[in-house]
């Protein structure tokens, strides 16, 4: 089920039907990351200036410059899951509608949540993801454990957010959450795939759109196999 859903999601992500949304999601992702990079850079510069590092210790200033570059790269990698959730909140319904129409033409389409509610939900969960990833960043330099913590935390968080957003097109959000819990292993395996993509530079930029398509397919496949189960509408 997971492999079939992932294959279909990859095909959809690169399809002409979703190409416009793909470019928009890439643009928004890069814009948010650029703003974060600028903000973090300014913070580092302000810190150096306030401690007079440049004037007193030129060598340390150069070292701090290179370390800051590496540190910013690592920090942005840990911020990427939260950015992904925000971007997905913007494009979820447009992308999900296309996936449902093209891959499930004989089935009733989902209903979009009001944009404000959808974005509030995405921002709330992005905030939680940010806090968890900042905690994981603290142990980044611990061998193995740092990467394992990043992967495990994001596998759970991304599976929860993306699946519930896709399922909420067909039932209330509490029903979507219950559906995820009823199929925790399947949704978590899909989350592992998304978390793995987050680790790969450039590939992680397409995670929002791929994640939407993946969870739409997973939700549809779960619903088709257990049509007697009902969740609050």
C-alpha atoms as a PDB file:
ATOM      1  CA  UNK A   1       0.000   0.000   0.000  1.00  0.00           C
ATOM      2  CA  UNK A   2       2.767   2.466   0.923  1.00  0.00           C
ATOM      3  CA  UNK A   3       4.880   1.707  -2.153  1.00  0.00           C
ATOM      4  CA  UNK A   4       1.867   1.968  -4.460  1.00  0.00           C
ATOM      5  CA  UNK A   5       0.869   5.272  -2.879  1.00  0.00           C
ATOM      6  CA  UNK A   6       4.431   6.610  -3.106  1.00  0.00           C
ATOM      7  CA  UNK A   7       4.737   5.615  -6.770  1.00  0.00           C
ATOM      8  CA  UNK A   8       1.452   7.307  -7.608  1.00  0.00           C
ATOM      9  CA  UNK A   9       2.431  10.395  -5.593  1.00  0.00           C
ATOM     10  CA  UNK A  10       5.753  10.727  -7.422  1.00  0.00           C
ATOM     11  CA  UNK A  11       3.998  10.435 -10.777  1.00  0.00           C
ATOM     12  CA  UNK A  12       1.506  13.095  -9.731  1.00  0.00           C
ATOM     13  CA  UNK A  13       4.161  15.444  -8.351  1.00  0.00           C
ATOM     14  CA  UNK A  14       5.939  15.503 -11.722  1.00  0.00           C
ATOM     15  CA  UNK A  15       2.766  15.517 -13.829  1.00  0.00           C
ATOM     16  CA  UNK A  16       1.690  18.470 -16.018  1.00  0.00           C
ATOM     17  CA  UNK A  17      -1.514  18.806 -13.983  1.00  0.00           C
ATOM     18  CA  UNK A  18       0.442  19.676 -10.835  1.00  0.00           C
ATOM     19  CA  UNK A  19       3.342  21.475 -12.505  1.00  0.00           C
ATOM     20  CA  UNK A  20       1.956  24.921 -11.757  1.00  0.00           C
ATOM     21  CA  UNK A  21       1.463  24.114  -8.071  1.00  0.00           C
ATOM     22  CA  UNK A  22       4.923  22.504  -7.970  1.00  0.00           C
ATOM     23  CA  UNK A  23       6.598  25.723  -9.119  1.00  0.00           C
ATOM     24  CA  UNK A  24       4.517  27.789  -6.693  1.00  0.00           C
ATOM     25  CA  UNK A  25       5.354  25.505  -3.761  1.00  0.00           C
ATOM     26  CA  UNK A  26       9.047  25.549  -4.683  1.00  0.00           C
ATOM     27  CA  UNK A  27       8.982  29.334  -4.890  1.00  0.00           C
ATOM     28  CA  UNK A  28       7.250  29.727  -1.531  1.00  0.00           C
ATOM     29  CA  UNK A  29       9.574  27.201   0.140  1.00  0.00           C
ATOM     30  CA  UNK A  30      12.686  28.966  -1.173  1.00  0.00           C
ATOM     31  CA  UNK A  31      11.296  32.381  -0.197  1.00  0.00           C
ATOM     32  CA  UNK A  32      10.637  31.266   3.402  1.00  0.00           C
ATOM     33  CA  UNK A  33      14.076  29.632   3.643  1.00  0.00           C
ATOM     34  CA  UNK A  34      15.705  32.793   2.249  1.00  0.00           C
ATOM     35  CA  UNK A  35      13.958  34.919   4.866  1.00  0.00           C
ATOM     36  CA  UNK A  36      15.050  32.533   7.609  1.00  0.00           C
ATOM     37  CA  UNK A  37      18.634  32.581   6.287  1.00  0.00           C
ATOM     38  CA  UNK A  38      18.615  36.384   6.252  1.00  0.00           C
ATOM     39  CA  UNK A  39      17.218  36.567   9.768  1.00  0.00           C
ATOM     40  CA  UNK A  40      19.715  34.085  11.199  1.00  0.00           C
ATOM     41  CA  UNK A  41      22.591  35.828   9.408  1.00  0.00           C
ATOM     42  CA  UNK A  42      21.597  39.179  10.876  1.00  0.00           C
ATOM     43  CA  UNK A  43      21.398  37.651  14.350  1.00  0.00           C
ATOM     44  CA  UNK A  44      24.928  36.253  14.020  1.00  0.00           C
ATOM     45  CA  UNK A  45      26.250  39.589  12.739  1.00  0.00           C
ATOM     46  CA  UNK A  46      24.570  41.430  15.601  1.00  0.00           C
ATOM     47  CA  UNK A  47      26.077  38.991  18.106  1.00  0.00           C
ATOM     48  CA  UNK A  48      29.565  39.441  16.664  1.00  0.00           C
ATOM     49  CA  UNK A  49      29.217  43.219  16.647  1.00  0.00           C
ATOM     50  CA  UNK A  50      27.930  43.370  20.214  1.00  0.00           C
ATOM     51  CA  UNK A  51      30.880  41.325  21.450  1.00  0.00           C
ATOM     52  CA  UNK A  52      33.428  43.218  19.313  1.00  0.00           C
ATOM     53  CA  UNK A  53      34.769  39.975  17.876  1.00  0.00           C
ATOM     54  CA  UNK A  54      35.850  41.553  14.600  1.00  0.00           C
ATOM     55  CA  UNK A  55      38.013  44.272  16.115  1.00  0.00           C
ATOM     56  CA  UNK A  56      39.589  42.238  18.917  1.00  0.00           C
ATOM     57  CA  UNK A  57      40.091  38.809  17.357  1.00  0.00           C
ATOM     58  CA  UNK A  58      40.212  38.851  13.534  1.00  0.00           C
ATOM     59  CA  UNK A  59      41.123  35.157  13.356  1.00  0.00           C
ATOM     60  CA  UNK A  60      38.169  34.232  15.541  1.00  0.00           C
ATOM     61  CA  UNK A  61      35.994  36.410  13.364  1.00  0.00           C
ATOM     62  CA  UNK A  62      36.987  34.429  10.251  1.00  0.00           C
ATOM     63  CA  UNK A  63      36.483  31.144  12.100  1.00  0.00           C
ATOM     64  CA  UNK A  64      33.082  32.271  13.322  1.00  0.00           C
ATOM     65  CA  UNK A  65      32.146  33.214   9.761  1.00  0.00           C
ATOM     66  CA  UNK A  66      32.800  29.707   8.432  1.00  0.00           C
ATOM     67  CA  UNK A  67      31.255  28.003  11.438  1.00  0.00           C
ATOM     68  CA  UNK A  68      28.209  30.207  11.096  1.00  0.00           C
ATOM     69  CA  UNK A  69      27.828  29.124   7.473  1.00  0.00           C
ATOM     70  CA  UNK A  70      27.809  25.459   8.492  1.00  0.00           C
ATOM     71  CA  UNK A  71      25.576  26.208  11.446  1.00  0.00           C
ATOM     72  CA  UNK A  72      23.062  28.012   9.240  1.00  0.00           C
ATOM     73  CA  UNK A  73      22.962  25.077   6.847  1.00  0.00           C
ATOM     74  CA  UNK A  74      22.253  22.677   9.721  1.00  0.00           C
ATOM     75  CA  UNK A  75      19.693  25.022  11.273  1.00  0.00           C
ATOM     76  CA  UNK A  76      17.793  25.372   7.998  1.00  0.00           C
ATOM     77  CA  UNK A  77      17.723  21.581   7.617  1.00  0.00           C
ATOM     78  CA  UNK A  78      16.053  21.357  11.030  1.00  0.00           C
ATOM     79  CA  UNK A  79      13.656  24.163  10.131  1.00  0.00           C
ATOM     80  CA  UNK A  80      12.659  22.518   6.852  1.00  0.00           C
ATOM     81  CA  UNK A  81       9.933  20.222   8.296  1.00  0.00           C
ATOM     82  CA  UNK A  82       8.102  23.203   9.787  1.00  0.00           C
ATOM     83  CA  UNK A  83       8.479  25.140   6.526  1.00  0.00           C
ATOM     84  CA  UNK A  84       7.138  22.105   4.641  1.00  0.00           C
ATOM     85  CA  UNK A  85       3.981  22.024   6.757  1.00  0.00           C
ATOM     86  CA  UNK A  86       3.312  25.739   6.201  1.00  0.00           C
ATOM     87  CA  UNK A  87       3.746  25.382   2.435  1.00  0.00           C
ATOM     88  CA  UNK A  88       1.496  22.299   2.393  1.00  0.00           C
ATOM     89  CA  UNK A  89      -1.177  24.313   4.198  1.00  0.00           C
ATOM     90  CA  UNK A  90      -1.193  26.826   1.339  1.00  0.00           C
ATOM     91  CA  UNK A  91      -1.541  24.312  -1.481  1.00  0.00           C
ATOM     92  CA  UNK A  92      -3.232  21.301   0.113  1.00  0.00           C
ATOM     93  CA  UNK A  93      -6.722  21.676  -1.287  1.00  0.00           C
ATOM     94  CA  UNK A  94      -5.699  22.720  -4.801  1.00  0.00           C
ATOM     95  CA  UNK A  95      -3.267  19.784  -5.084  1.00  0.00           C
ATOM     96  CA  UNK A  96      -5.562  17.275  -3.363  1.00  0.00           C
ATOM     97  CA  UNK A  97      -8.433  18.206  -5.663  1.00  0.00           C
ATOM     98  CA  UNK A  98      -6.310  17.499  -8.750  1.00  0.00           C
ATOM     99  CA  UNK A  99      -5.078  14.171  -7.363  1.00  0.00           C
ATOM    100  CA  UNK A 100      -8.604  13.098  -6.437  1.00  0.00           C
ATOM    101  CA  UNK A 101     -10.018  14.136  -9.816  1.00  0.00           C
ATOM    102  CA  UNK A 102      -7.341  12.475 -11.938  1.00  0.00           C
ATOM    103  CA  UNK A 103      -6.643   9.283  -9.952  1.00  0.00           C
ATOM    104  CA  UNK A 104     -10.068   8.700  -8.386  1.00  0.00           C
ATOM    105  CA  UNK A 105     -12.507  10.094 -10.972  1.00  0.00           C
ATOM    106  CA  UNK A 106     -15.421   7.864  -9.972  1.00  0.00           C
ATOM    107  CA  UNK A 107     -15.393   8.841  -6.313  1.00  0.00           C
ATOM    108  CA  UNK A 108     -16.912  11.907  -4.620  1.00  0.00           C
ATOM    109  CA  UNK A 109     -14.302  14.651  -4.178  1.00  0.00           C
ATOM    110  CA  UNK A 110     -13.359  15.982  -0.777  1.00  0.00           C
ATOM    111  CA  UNK A 111     -14.427  19.348   0.576  1.00  0.00           C
ATOM    112  CA  UNK A 112     -11.865  22.012   1.324  1.00  0.00           C
ATOM    113  CA  UNK A 113     -11.615  23.386   4.833  1.00  0.00           C
ATOM    114  CA  UNK A 114     -11.947  27.179   5.074  1.00  0.00           C
ATOM    115  CA  UNK A 115      -8.539  28.628   4.214  1.00  0.00           C
ATOM    116  CA  UNK A 116      -8.204  30.449   7.533  1.00  0.00           C
ATOM    117  CA  UNK A 117      -8.902  27.323   9.569  1.00  0.00           C
ATOM    118  CA  UNK A 118      -6.593  25.268   7.376  1.00  0.00           C
ATOM    119  CA  UNK A 119      -3.728  27.736   7.805  1.00  0.00           C
ATOM    120  CA  UNK A 120      -4.277  28.061  11.554  1.00  0.00           C
ATOM    121  CA  UNK A 121      -4.093  24.288  11.840  1.00  0.00           C
ATOM    122  CA  UNK A 122      -0.940  24.194   9.698  1.00  0.00           C
ATOM    123  CA  UNK A 123       0.713  27.039  11.630  1.00  0.00           C
ATOM    124  CA  UNK A 124      -0.104  25.449  14.974  1.00  0.00           C
ATOM    125  CA  UNK A 125       1.417  22.178  13.919  1.00  0.00           C
ATOM    126  CA  UNK A 126       4.372  23.916  12.261  1.00  0.00           C
ATOM    127  CA  UNK A 127       5.054  25.587  15.616  1.00  0.00           C
ATOM    128  CA  UNK A 128       5.022  22.218  17.372  1.00  0.00           C
ATOM    129  CA  UNK A 129       7.312  20.770  14.697  1.00  0.00           C
ATOM    130  CA  UNK A 130       9.680  23.719  15.111  1.00  0.00           C
ATOM    131  CA  UNK A 131       9.916  23.202  18.867  1.00  0.00           C
ATOM    132  CA  UNK A 132      10.543  19.468  18.500  1.00  0.00           C
ATOM    133  CA  UNK A 133      13.216  20.019  15.860  1.00  0.00           C
ATOM    134  CA  UNK A 134      14.960  22.693  17.901  1.00  0.00           C
ATOM    135  CA  UNK A 135      15.114  20.171  20.734  1.00  0.00           C
ATOM    136  CA  UNK A 136      16.546  17.599  18.307  1.00  0.00           C
ATOM    137  CA  UNK A 137      19.089  20.174  17.112  1.00  0.00           C
ATOM    138  CA  UNK A 138      20.538  20.359  20.626  1.00  0.00           C
ATOM    139  CA  UNK A 139      21.757  16.769  20.299  1.00  0.00           C
ATOM    140  CA  UNK A 140      22.826  17.118  16.643  1.00  0.00           C
ATOM    141  CA  UNK A 141      26.488  16.446  17.410  1.00  0.00           C
ATOM    142  CA  UNK A 142      25.801  13.278  19.407  1.00  0.00           C
ATOM    143  CA  UNK A 143      26.841  10.440  17.049  1.00  0.00           C
ATOM    144  CA  UNK A 144      23.928   8.515  15.538  1.00  0.00           C
ATOM    145  CA  UNK A 145      21.475   9.704  18.182  1.00  0.00           C
ATOM    146  CA  UNK A 146      21.200  13.198  16.679  1.00  0.00           C
ATOM    147  CA  UNK A 147      20.195  11.995  13.209  1.00  0.00           C
ATOM    148  CA  UNK A 148      17.981   9.249  14.670  1.00  0.00           C
ATOM    149  CA  UNK A 149      16.119  11.780  16.808  1.00  0.00           C
ATOM    150  CA  UNK A 150      15.591  14.057  13.794  1.00  0.00           C
ATOM    151  CA  UNK A 151      14.303  11.179  11.684  1.00  0.00           C
ATOM    152  CA  UNK A 152      12.015   9.673  14.331  1.00  0.00           C
ATOM    153  CA  UNK A 153      10.494  12.978  15.409  1.00  0.00           C
ATOM    154  CA  UNK A 154       9.747  14.086  11.864  1.00  0.00           C
ATOM    155  CA  UNK A 155       8.450  10.700  10.737  1.00  0.00           C
ATOM    156  CA  UNK A 156       5.751  10.996  13.401  1.00  0.00           C
ATOM    157  CA  UNK A 157       5.041  14.710  12.994  1.00  0.00           C
ATOM    158  CA  UNK A 158       4.897  14.701   9.204  1.00  0.00           C
ATOM    159  CA  UNK A 159       2.763  11.560   9.065  1.00  0.00           C
ATOM    160  CA  UNK A 160       0.327  13.082  11.518  1.00  0.00           C
ATOM    161  CA  UNK A 161       0.035  16.469   9.857  1.00  0.00           C
ATOM    162  CA  UNK A 162      -0.085  15.424   6.213  1.00  0.00           C
ATOM    163  CA  UNK A 163      -2.480  12.520   6.714  1.00  0.00           C
ATOM    164  CA  UNK A 164      -4.884  14.471   8.891  1.00  0.00           C
ATOM    165  CA  UNK A 165      -4.963  17.366   6.415  1.00  0.00           C
ATOM    166  CA  UNK A 166      -5.749  14.972   3.552  1.00  0.00           C
ATOM    167  CA  UNK A 167      -8.374  13.030   5.538  1.00  0.00           C
ATOM    168  CA  UNK A 168     -10.003  16.231   6.837  1.00  0.00           C
ATOM    169  CA  UNK A 169     -11.353  16.823   3.329  1.00  0.00           C
ATOM    170  CA  UNK A 170     -13.739  13.932   3.997  1.00  0.00           C
ATOM    171  CA  UNK A 171     -14.471  14.168   7.727  1.00  0.00           C
ATOM    172  CA  UNK A 172     -14.021  16.425  10.735  1.00  0.00           C
ATOM    173  CA  UNK A 173     -10.494  16.942  11.998  1.00  0.00           C
ATOM    174  CA  UNK A 174     -11.148  14.792  15.063  1.00  0.00           C
ATOM    175  CA  UNK A 175     -12.334  12.025  12.762  1.00  0.00           C
ATOM    176  CA  UNK A 176      -9.186  12.426  10.653  1.00  0.00           C
ATOM    177  CA  UNK A 177      -7.065  12.140  13.799  1.00  0.00           C
ATOM    178  CA  UNK A 178      -8.909   8.983  14.854  1.00  0.00           C
ATOM    179  CA  UNK A 179      -8.457   7.484  11.409  1.00  0.00           C
ATOM    180  CA  UNK A 180      -4.712   8.127  11.633  1.00  0.00           C
ATOM    181  CA  UNK A 181      -4.553   6.444  15.033  1.00  0.00           C
ATOM    182  CA  UNK A 182      -6.508   3.440  13.712  1.00  0.00           C
ATOM    183  CA  UNK A 183      -3.901   3.052  10.953  1.00  0.00           C
ATOM    184  CA  UNK A 184      -0.868   4.300  12.847  1.00  0.00           C
ATOM    185  CA  UNK A 185       1.630   1.869  11.326  1.00  0.00           C
ATOM    186  CA  UNK A 186       0.722   2.678   7.726  1.00  0.00           C
ATOM    187  CA  UNK A 187       0.714   6.423   8.272  1.00  0.00           C
ATOM    188  CA  UNK A 188       3.988   6.256  10.211  1.00  0.00           C
ATOM    189  CA  UNK A 189       5.664   4.326   7.382  1.00  0.00           C
ATOM    190  CA  UNK A 190       4.553   7.062   5.002  1.00  0.00           C
ATOM    191  CA  UNK A 191       5.951   9.603   7.460  1.00  0.00           C
ATOM    192  CA  UNK A 192       9.294   7.739   7.431  1.00  0.00           C
ATOM    193  CA  UNK A 193       9.411   8.250   3.681  1.00  0.00           C
ATOM    194  CA  UNK A 194       8.785  11.983   4.085  1.00  0.00           C
ATOM    195  CA  UNK A 195      11.349  12.258   6.882  1.00  0.00           C
ATOM    196  CA  UNK A 196      13.890  10.507   4.665  1.00  0.00           C
ATOM    197  CA  UNK A 197      13.252  13.056   1.927  1.00  0.00           C
ATOM    198  CA  UNK A 198      13.862  15.855   4.426  1.00  0.00           C
ATOM    199  CA  UNK A 199      17.440  14.658   4.898  1.00  0.00           C
ATOM    200  CA  UNK A 200      18.270  14.937   1.181  1.00  0.00           C
ATOM    201  CA  UNK A 201      19.094  18.491  -0.015  1.00  0.00           C
ATOM    202  CA  UNK A 202      17.077  19.722  -3.024  1.00  0.00           C
ATOM    203  CA  UNK A 203      14.810  16.662  -2.838  1.00  0.00           C
ATOM    204  CA  UNK A 204      13.379  18.058   0.398  1.00  0.00           C
ATOM    205  CA  UNK A 205      12.066  21.057  -1.541  1.00  0.00           C
ATOM    206  CA  UNK A 206       9.408  18.928  -3.245  1.00  0.00           C
ATOM    207  CA  UNK A 207       8.288  17.301   0.014  1.00  0.00           C
ATOM    208  CA  UNK A 208       5.175  19.492   0.502  1.00  0.00           C
ATOM    209  CA  UNK A 209       3.594  18.563  -2.821  1.00  0.00           C
ATOM    210  CA  UNK A 210       4.761  14.947  -2.715  1.00  0.00           C
ATOM    211  CA  UNK A 211       3.482  14.629   0.861  1.00  0.00           C
ATOM    212  CA  UNK A 212       0.038  15.887  -0.116  1.00  0.00           C
ATOM    213  CA  UNK A 213      -0.241  13.474  -3.051  1.00  0.00           C
ATOM    214  CA  UNK A 214       1.116  10.596  -0.948  1.00  0.00           C
ATOM    215  CA  UNK A 215      -1.379  11.054   1.861  1.00  0.00           C
ATOM    216  CA  UNK A 216      -4.325  11.587  -0.482  1.00  0.00           C
ATOM    217  CA  UNK A 217      -3.553   8.206  -2.048  1.00  0.00           C
ATOM    218  CA  UNK A 218      -2.968   6.546   1.313  1.00  0.00           C
ATOM    219  CA  UNK A 219      -6.239   7.887   2.697  1.00  0.00           C
ATOM    220  CA  UNK A 220      -8.127   6.710  -0.370  1.00  0.00           C
ATOM    221  CA  UNK A 221      -6.609   3.230  -0.207  1.00  0.00           C
ATOM    222  CA  UNK A 222      -7.369   2.879   3.505  1.00  0.00           C
ATOM    223  CA  UNK A 223     -10.953   4.067   2.978  1.00  0.00           C
ATOM    224  CA  UNK A 224     -11.456   1.642   0.084  1.00  0.00           C
ATOM    225  CA  UNK A 225     -10.266  -1.339   2.121  1.00  0.00           C
ATOM    226  CA  UNK A 226     -12.464  -0.550   5.113  1.00  0.00           C
ATOM    227  CA  UNK A 227     -15.540   1.206   3.730  1.00  0.00           C
ATOM    228  CA  UNK A 228     -17.681   0.235   6.711  1.00  0.00           C
ATOM    229  CA  UNK A 229     -15.684   2.371   9.096  1.00  0.00           C
ATOM    230  CA  UNK A 230     -17.162   5.802   9.568  1.00  0.00           C
ATOM    231  CA  UNK A 231     -15.664   8.918  11.090  1.00  0.00           C
ATOM    232  CA  UNK A 232     -17.350  12.142  12.221  1.00  0.00           C
ATOM    233  CA  UNK A 233     -18.386  14.343   9.291  1.00  0.00           C
END
